[in-house]
Amino acid sequence: MHMILRLGLAALVAALAPIGGGVRAQTPEAVNLPIPSGGAEQVLFIAAPQPRATVILLSGGSGLLAIDNAGNIRPGNNFVVRTRGLWAAQGFAALLPGPPNGASLLGTRHTPGYLAALGAVIDYARSRVNAPVWLIGTSQGSTGAADGAAHLAPKVAGVVLTSSVTRIGRADETVFDADPGAIAVPALVVSNSGDPCRVSPPGDGPRLLAALTRSPRKELILVQSSQFQSDPCEALSPHGYLGIEAMVVQRIADWIKAAPGR
């Protein structure tokens, strides 16, 4: 039974991660990027012809991603990790960073050190593509996305916060620690009404939207799903949009493409 489940998860990730669709993207490129505090962070860069924007995809949990030179990522289940090919197919250049110096990101995503490392990723993205940079975070990664959008303008054109952690859990930080009231760029909040994770209740979506007091364009998108192949706060569940990935990516992409000055 465990072997069947592992094969099923592998098939799901393989189906979502390949780059393709309406736009032909280039081969993923693994880059070892120096960071201001010393050391480096591994980054996966996926180019696209004439990209509409560059999306920096910030995963949740500990953020401990291993990116090899062939562009493979382990673990690969996280929502923004397993859908990286779908973002590229929308005509976006996509960039997915691993953790600075291979260290856990739990509890650090609202700190100056994390912000400096994210700033290096944004600078690299801007050096590779002449297009607006959007931060897309999921779960714990939304805290990092909010931090970058609040404090790294005008390098950031907009931010998307999905399944945001709004209640204290093992990381001992929430998206509210990232100063969402300082975000002065377009901001999209995405919640799944079927998300049972105790640290990201969908009912907190309006509260997070209300905290974005300086954002010139903000909206809450509420989706619905009920599939589970993992624990409630893990990626293969409604918390990670299991079974509705393509629809969620499409709705976010449409919102980004409609942004003024995109």
Protein backbone atom coordinates (compact mmCIF):
# COMPACT_ATOMS: atom_id res chain seq x y z
CA MET A 1 0.00 0.00 0.00
CA HIS A 2 2.85 2.41 0.90
CA MET A 3 4.54 1.65 -2.44
CA ILE A 4 1.31 2.44 -4.31
CA LEU A 5 0.96 5.75 -2.43
CA ARG A 6 4.57 6.73 -3.20
CA LEU A 7 4.07 5.93 -6.87
CA GLY A 8 0.87 7.97 -6.89
CA LEU A 9 2.60 11.01 -5.37
CA ALA A 10 5.50 10.69 -7.79
CA ALA A 11 3.10 10.59 -10.72
CA LEU A 12 1.30 13.71 -9.47
CA VAL A 13 4.52 15.69 -9.11
CA ALA A 14 5.78 14.48 -12.50
CA ALA A 15 2.52 15.53 -14.15
CA LEU A 16 2.62 19.07 -12.79
CA ALA A 17 6.31 19.95 -12.81
CA PRO A 18 7.22 19.56 -16.52
CA ILE A 19 7.50 22.82 -18.38
CA GLY A 20 5.17 23.15 -21.31
CA GLY A 21 1.71 24.26 -22.39
CA GLY A 22 0.98 27.35 -24.39
CA VAL A 23 4.44 28.90 -23.97
CA ARG A 24 7.72 27.13 -24.68
CA ALA A 25 10.01 27.67 -21.70
CA GLN A 26 13.72 27.05 -21.64
CA THR A 27 15.54 24.32 -19.74
CA PRO A 28 15.67 25.01 -15.99
CA GLU A 29 18.98 26.39 -14.80
CA ALA A 30 20.40 25.81 -11.32
CA VAL A 31 22.40 28.77 -10.00
CA ASN A 32 24.54 29.07 -6.86
CA LEU A 33 23.76 32.62 -5.74
CA PRO A 34 25.97 34.44 -3.19
CA ILE A 35 24.13 36.11 -0.32
CA PRO A 36 25.08 39.26 1.62
CA SER A 37 25.72 37.49 4.94
CA GLY A 38 28.17 35.06 3.36
CA GLY A 39 27.67 31.69 1.75
CA ALA A 40 25.11 31.03 -0.94
CA GLU A 41 21.63 29.85 -1.80
CA GLN A 42 20.73 27.48 -4.61
CA VAL A 43 18.20 28.93 -7.04
CA LEU A 44 16.28 27.32 -9.90
CA PHE A 45 15.67 29.72 -12.79
CA ILE A 46 13.21 28.93 -15.60
CA ALA A 47 13.32 31.40 -18.46
CA ALA A 48 10.45 32.13 -20.85
CA PRO A 49 10.38 33.99 -24.17
CA GLN A 50 9.18 37.58 -23.74
CA PRO A 51 7.92 36.94 -20.19
CA ARG A 52 5.00 38.95 -18.86
CA ALA A 53 6.59 38.95 -15.40
CA THR A 54 9.05 37.07 -13.24
CA VAL A 55 7.48 35.13 -10.38
CA ILE A 56 9.63 34.23 -7.39
CA LEU A 57 8.07 31.14 -5.82
CA LEU A 58 8.53 30.86 -2.05
CA SER A 59 7.77 27.44 -0.61
CA GLY A 60 6.48 26.72 2.88
CA GLY A 61 7.54 24.61 5.82
CA SER A 62 11.24 24.61 6.61
CA GLY A 63 12.06 25.67 3.05
CA LEU A 64 14.68 22.92 2.91
CA LEU A 65 14.78 22.27 -0.82
CA ALA A 66 17.60 20.47 -2.61
CA ILE A 67 18.06 21.68 -6.20
CA ASP A 68 20.40 19.68 -8.42
CA ASN A 69 22.18 20.78 -11.59
CA ALA A 70 19.53 19.11 -13.76
CA GLY A 71 16.82 21.27 -12.24
CA ASN A 72 15.28 18.57 -10.06
CA ILE A 73 13.95 19.59 -6.65
CA ARG A 74 13.55 17.42 -3.57
CA PRO A 75 11.19 17.32 -1.82
CA GLY A 76 8.91 18.19 -4.68
CA ASN A 77 5.43 18.17 -3.17
CA ASN A 78 5.05 21.80 -2.10
CA PHE A 79 2.38 23.69 -4.06
CA VAL A 80 4.72 26.22 -5.71
CA VAL A 81 7.39 23.57 -6.29
CA ARG A 82 5.21 21.01 -8.02
CA THR A 83 3.46 23.67 -10.13
CA ARG A 84 6.62 25.45 -11.33
CA GLY A 85 6.00 24.25 -14.87
CA LEU A 86 2.48 25.68 -14.83
CA TRP A 87 3.79 29.16 -13.96
CA ALA A 88 6.27 28.96 -16.82
CA ALA A 89 3.48 27.85 -19.17
CA GLN A 90 1.59 31.05 -18.27
CA GLY A 91 4.37 33.09 -19.87
CA PHE A 92 6.20 33.94 -16.64
CA ALA A 93 9.87 33.49 -15.97
CA ALA A 94 9.99 31.53 -12.72
CA LEU A 95 12.58 31.49 -9.99
CA LEU A 96 12.51 29.14 -7.03
CA PRO A 97 15.10 29.64 -4.26
CA GLY A 98 16.34 27.11 -1.77
CA PRO A 99 17.28 28.15 1.77
CA PRO A 100 20.39 30.28 2.40
CA ASN A 101 23.30 27.99 3.32
CA GLY A 102 20.93 25.05 3.53
CA ALA A 103 19.48 26.16 6.88
CA SER A 104 15.86 25.84 7.97
CA LEU A 105 13.74 28.94 7.40
CA LEU A 106 11.32 28.23 10.23
CA GLY A 107 10.91 31.35 12.34
CA THR A 108 13.23 33.47 10.14
CA ARG A 109 11.06 34.73 7.32
CA HIS A 110 10.30 38.07 9.00
CA THR A 111 13.95 38.76 9.95
CA PRO A 112 16.53 41.10 8.36
CA GLY A 113 18.76 38.16 7.41
CA TYR A 114 16.00 36.49 5.42
CA LEU A 115 15.09 39.79 3.80
CA ALA A 116 18.69 40.34 2.67
CA ALA A 117 18.84 36.87 1.12
CA LEU A 118 15.49 37.41 -0.64
CA GLY A 119 16.76 40.76 -1.89
CA ALA A 120 19.69 38.97 -3.55
CA VAL A 121 17.22 36.65 -5.30
CA ILE A 122 15.16 39.61 -6.52
CA ASP A 123 18.28 41.40 -7.78
CA TYR A 124 19.30 38.26 -9.66
CA ALA A 125 15.83 37.96 -11.21
CA ARG A 126 15.97 41.58 -12.34
CA SER A 127 19.42 41.01 -13.85
CA ARG A 128 18.13 38.11 -15.93
CA VAL A 129 14.74 39.39 -17.10
CA ASN A 130 13.48 42.88 -17.87
CA ALA A 131 10.02 42.33 -16.42
CA PRO A 132 8.11 43.11 -13.21
CA VAL A 133 8.94 40.84 -10.27
CA TRP A 134 6.12 39.27 -8.29
CA LEU A 135 6.52 37.31 -5.07
CA ILE A 136 4.27 34.27 -4.66
CA GLY A 137 4.37 32.56 -1.29
CA THR A 138 2.51 29.60 0.09
CA SER A 139 1.90 28.64 3.72
CA GLN A 140 5.01 29.70 5.69
CA GLY A 141 6.39 31.07 2.42
CA SER A 142 3.67 33.72 2.43
CA THR A 143 5.36 35.29 5.44
CA GLY A 144 8.54 35.68 3.38
CA ALA A 145 6.59 37.02 0.40
CA ALA A 146 4.84 39.60 2.57
CA ASP A 147 8.17 40.62 4.12
CA GLY A 148 9.71 41.18 0.70
CA ALA A 149 6.71 43.10 -0.61
CA ALA A 150 6.64 45.30 2.49
CA HIS A 151 10.33 46.18 2.59
CA LEU A 152 11.91 45.68 -0.85
CA ALA A 153 9.81 48.05 -2.97
CA PRO A 154 10.18 49.34 -5.65
CA LYS A 155 11.94 46.15 -6.76
CA VAL A 156 8.71 44.19 -6.19
CA ALA A 157 5.70 44.83 -8.43
CA GLY A 158 3.19 42.75 -6.51
CA VAL A 159 2.63 39.88 -4.10
CA VAL A 160 0.44 36.78 -3.86
CA LEU A 161 -0.20 35.19 -0.46
CA THR A 162 -1.63 31.65 -0.59
CA SER A 163 -2.67 29.52 2.39
CA SER A 164 -0.96 32.07 4.60
CA VAL A 165 0.00 31.16 8.15
CA THR A 166 -2.06 33.51 10.31
CA ARG A 167 -1.93 31.60 13.62
CA ILE A 168 1.14 30.73 15.68
CA GLY A 169 2.51 27.25 15.06
CA ARG A 170 5.89 25.52 15.09
CA ALA A 171 7.62 28.44 13.32
CA ASP A 172 6.52 30.89 16.03
CA GLU A 173 5.84 33.53 13.35
CA THR A 174 2.90 34.47 11.14
CA VAL A 175 2.32 36.59 8.08
CA PHE A 176 1.34 39.45 10.41
CA ASP A 177 4.93 39.55 11.72
CA ALA A 178 6.02 40.59 8.21
CA ASP A 179 4.31 44.00 8.46
CA PRO A 180 1.59 43.55 5.82
CA GLY A 181 0.38 47.08 6.53
CA ALA A 182 3.55 48.37 4.84
CA ILE A 183 2.81 46.60 1.54
CA ALA A 184 2.16 49.32 -1.04
CA VAL A 185 1.92 47.13 -4.16
CA PRO A 186 -0.96 45.02 -5.53
CA ALA A 187 -1.65 42.10 -3.22
CA LEU A 188 -3.72 38.98 -3.79
CA VAL A 189 -4.79 36.71 -0.94
CA VAL A 190 -5.79 33.14 -1.86
CA SER A 191 -7.47 30.79 0.61
CA ASN A 192 -9.05 27.36 0.29
CA SER A 193 -12.35 27.07 2.13
CA GLY A 194 -11.57 23.37 2.57
CA ASP A 195 -8.22 24.01 4.29
CA PRO A 196 -8.37 22.37 7.75
CA CYS A 197 -4.84 23.38 8.79
CA ARG A 198 -5.10 25.03 12.20
CA VAL A 199 -2.46 27.69 11.45
CA SER A 200 -4.02 28.85 8.17
CA PRO A 201 -7.79 28.95 8.69
CA PRO A 202 -9.52 30.26 5.57
CA GLY A 203 -11.71 32.43 7.77
CA ASP A 204 -8.66 34.60 8.42
CA GLY A 205 -8.51 35.66 4.75
CA PRO A 206 -10.62 38.80 5.28
CA ARG A 207 -8.49 39.76 8.31
CA LEU A 208 -5.31 39.48 6.25
CA LEU A 209 -6.89 41.48 3.42
CA ALA A 210 -7.90 44.18 5.89
CA ALA A 211 -4.32 44.37 7.17
CA LEU A 212 -3.11 45.38 3.69
CA THR A 213 -4.02 48.99 4.35
CA ARG A 214 -1.58 50.56 1.86
CA SER A 215 -2.05 48.19 -1.06
CA PRO A 216 -3.55 50.05 -4.05
CA ARG A 217 -5.20 46.91 -5.39
CA LYS A 218 -6.11 43.96 -3.24
CA GLU A 219 -8.47 41.03 -3.46
CA LEU A 220 -9.33 37.78 -1.72
CA ILE A 221 -9.88 34.71 -3.88
CA LEU A 222 -11.57 31.80 -2.13
CA VAL A 223 -11.37 28.37 -3.76
CA GLN A 224 -12.69 24.98 -2.68
CA SER A 225 -11.25 21.47 -2.69
CA SER A 226 -11.34 18.39 -0.47
CA GLN A 227 -8.67 15.93 -1.65
CA PHE A 228 -6.12 14.58 0.84
CA GLN A 229 -2.95 12.58 0.32
CA SER A 230 -1.06 14.03 3.29
CA ASP A 231 -1.59 15.53 6.74
CA PRO A 232 -3.86 18.62 6.78
CA CYS A 233 -1.00 21.14 7.01
CA GLU A 234 1.15 19.40 4.41
CA ALA A 235 1.20 20.11 0.69
CA LEU A 236 -0.90 17.25 -0.70
CA SER A 237 -4.15 18.43 0.84
CA PRO A 238 -6.52 21.39 0.45
CA HIS A 239 -3.81 23.45 2.20
CA GLY A 240 -1.69 22.86 -0.91
CA TYR A 241 -4.59 22.95 -3.42
CA LEU A 242 -4.37 19.26 -4.27
CA GLY A 243 -6.45 18.45 -7.34
CA ILE A 244 -7.11 22.10 -8.28
CA GLU A 245 -3.55 23.25 -8.95
CA ALA A 246 -4.09 24.28 -12.57
CA MET A 247 -7.20 26.30 -11.73
CA VAL A 248 -5.49 28.11 -8.85
CA VAL A 249 -2.43 28.93 -10.96
CA GLN A 250 -4.70 30.18 -13.76
CA ARG A 251 -6.66 32.49 -11.46
CA ILE A 252 -3.50 33.92 -9.94
CA ALA A 253 -1.90 34.34 -13.37
CA ASP A 254 -4.96 36.17 -14.69
CA TRP A 255 -4.84 38.53 -11.71
CA ILE A 256 -1.15 39.29 -12.24
CA LYS A 257 -1.65 39.86 -15.95
CA ALA A 258 -4.45 42.35 -15.23
CA ALA A 259 -2.27 44.45 -12.92
CA PRO A 260 -1.77 48.04 -14.12
CA GLY A 261 1.79 48.66 -15.31
CA ARG A 262 2.49 44.95 -15.38
